[in-house]
Amino acid sequence: MKMLNFGSLNIDKVYSVSHLVKEGDTFLGFFISQLIKSQNVKHSLEIVSKAASITVSRNGASDSIPSLR
């Protein structure tokens, strides 16, 4: 899949993107599960940001999602 990055009205750069949904899936899944466990939004967001940053640093879709264990 290719994604266009628009400057003003000119196309500045074209990026090749292999998978776009894994970061959002990881963020939402971890957020909901952590919020249910701790009921603390700040703590949940701290865990979620770590999980999402691990996900974007790995290749693949479901294989890139970290585990809490």
C-alpha atoms as a PDB file:
ATOM      1  CA  MET A   1       0.000   0.000   0.000  1.00  0.00           C
ATOM      2  CA  LYS A   2       1.266   3.485  -0.765  1.00  0.00           C
ATOM      3  CA  MET A   3       0.496   6.537   1.290  1.00  0.00           C
ATOM      4  CA  LEU A   4       0.806  10.108   0.080  1.00  0.00           C
ATOM      5  CA  ASN A   5       2.121  12.868   2.283  1.00  0.00           C
ATOM      6  CA  PHE A   6       0.740  16.242   1.173  1.00  0.00           C
ATOM      7  CA  GLY A   7       2.544  19.520   1.735  1.00  0.00           C
ATOM      8  CA  SER A   8       0.531  22.596   0.776  1.00  0.00           C
ATOM      9  CA  LEU A   9      -1.089  21.388  -2.424  1.00  0.00           C
ATOM     10  CA  ASN A  10       1.911  19.567  -3.866  1.00  0.00           C
ATOM     11  CA  ILE A  11       2.755  15.931  -3.234  1.00  0.00           C
ATOM     12  CA  ASP A  12       6.019  16.001  -1.325  1.00  0.00           C
ATOM     13  CA  LYS A  13       6.762  12.329  -0.789  1.00  0.00           C
ATOM     14  CA  VAL A  14       5.340   8.864  -1.403  1.00  0.00           C
ATOM     15  CA  TYR A  15       5.807   6.280   1.355  1.00  0.00           C
ATOM     16  CA  SER A  16       5.456   2.545   1.027  1.00  0.00           C
ATOM     17  CA  VAL A  17       3.457   1.268   4.004  1.00  0.00           C
ATOM     18  CA  SER A  18       3.103  -2.444   4.671  1.00  0.00           C
ATOM     19  CA  HIS A  19       0.434  -2.402   7.376  1.00  0.00           C
ATOM     20  CA  LEU A  20      -1.459   0.502   8.933  1.00  0.00           C
ATOM     21  CA  VAL A  21      -3.823  -1.028  11.463  1.00  0.00           C
ATOM     22  CA  LYS A  22      -1.480  -2.849  13.844  1.00  0.00           C
ATOM     23  CA  GLU A  23      -0.554   0.249  15.884  1.00  0.00           C
ATOM     24  CA  GLY A  24      -4.174   1.291  16.360  1.00  0.00           C
ATOM     25  CA  ASP A  25      -5.243  -2.262  17.157  1.00  0.00           C
ATOM     26  CA  THR A  26      -2.481  -2.559  19.736  1.00  0.00           C
ATOM     27  CA  PHE A  27      -3.302   0.826  21.252  1.00  0.00           C
ATOM     28  CA  LEU A  28      -7.016   0.188  21.570  1.00  0.00           C
ATOM     29  CA  GLY A  29      -6.695  -3.420  22.740  1.00  0.00           C
ATOM     30  CA  PHE A  30      -4.113  -2.629  25.402  1.00  0.00           C
ATOM     31  CA  PHE A  31      -5.994   0.496  26.512  1.00  0.00           C
ATOM     32  CA  ILE A  32      -9.291  -1.308  27.030  1.00  0.00           C
ATOM     33  CA  SER A  33      -7.701  -4.280  28.803  1.00  0.00           C
ATOM     34  CA  GLN A  34      -5.578  -2.071  31.079  1.00  0.00           C
ATOM     35  CA  LEU A  35      -8.480   0.260  31.826  1.00  0.00           C
ATOM     36  CA  ILE A  36     -10.648  -2.689  32.868  1.00  0.00           C
ATOM     37  CA  LYS A  37      -7.865  -4.074  35.070  1.00  0.00           C
ATOM     38  CA  SER A  38      -6.726  -0.871  36.769  1.00  0.00           C
ATOM     39  CA  GLN A  39      -9.517   1.639  36.081  1.00  0.00           C
ATOM     40  CA  ASN A  40      -6.771   4.262  35.960  1.00  0.00           C
ATOM     41  CA  VAL A  41      -6.528   6.155  32.673  1.00  0.00           C
ATOM     42  CA  LYS A  42      -3.024   7.559  33.281  1.00  0.00           C
ATOM     43  CA  HIS A  43      -1.555   4.150  34.136  1.00  0.00           C
ATOM     44  CA  SER A  44      -3.366   2.571  31.172  1.00  0.00           C
ATOM     45  CA  LEU A  45      -1.945   5.161  28.767  1.00  0.00           C
ATOM     46  CA  GLU A  46       1.594   4.577  30.073  1.00  0.00           C
ATOM     47  CA  ILE A  47       1.321   0.837  29.334  1.00  0.00           C
ATOM     48  CA  VAL A  48      -0.379   1.481  25.992  1.00  0.00           C
ATOM     49  CA  SER A  49       2.307   3.876  24.752  1.00  0.00           C
ATOM     50  CA  LYS A  50       5.023   1.326  25.538  1.00  0.00           C
ATOM     51  CA  ALA A  51       3.113  -1.464  23.779  1.00  0.00           C
ATOM     52  CA  ALA A  52       2.442   0.664  20.685  1.00  0.00           C
ATOM     53  CA  SER A  53       6.088   1.737  20.441  1.00  0.00           C
ATOM     54  CA  ILE A  54       7.205  -1.900  20.582  1.00  0.00           C
ATOM     55  CA  THR A  55       4.678  -2.749  17.861  1.00  0.00           C
ATOM     56  CA  VAL A  56       5.949  -0.111  15.427  1.00  0.00           C
ATOM     57  CA  SER A  57       9.546  -1.261  15.918  1.00  0.00           C
ATOM     58  CA  ARG A  58       8.767  -4.817  14.721  1.00  0.00           C
ATOM     59  CA  ASN A  59       7.839  -6.257  11.335  1.00  0.00           C
ATOM     60  CA  GLY A  60       4.576  -8.028  10.677  1.00  0.00           C
ATOM     61  CA  ALA A  61       1.075  -7.570  11.961  1.00  0.00           C
ATOM     62  CA  SER A  62      -0.013  -9.858  14.801  1.00  0.00           C
ATOM     63  CA  ASP A  63       3.563 -11.068  15.391  1.00  0.00           C
ATOM     64  CA  SER A  64       4.612  -7.520  16.271  1.00  0.00           C
ATOM     65  CA  ILE A  65       2.085  -7.080  19.095  1.00  0.00           C
ATOM     66  CA  PRO A  66       3.812  -7.539  22.476  1.00  0.00           C
ATOM     67  CA  SER A  67       2.576  -9.688  25.321  1.00  0.00           C
ATOM     68  CA  LEU A  68       2.225  -8.587  28.937  1.00  0.00           C
ATOM     69  CA  ARG A  69       3.835 -11.803  30.160  1.00  0.00           C
END
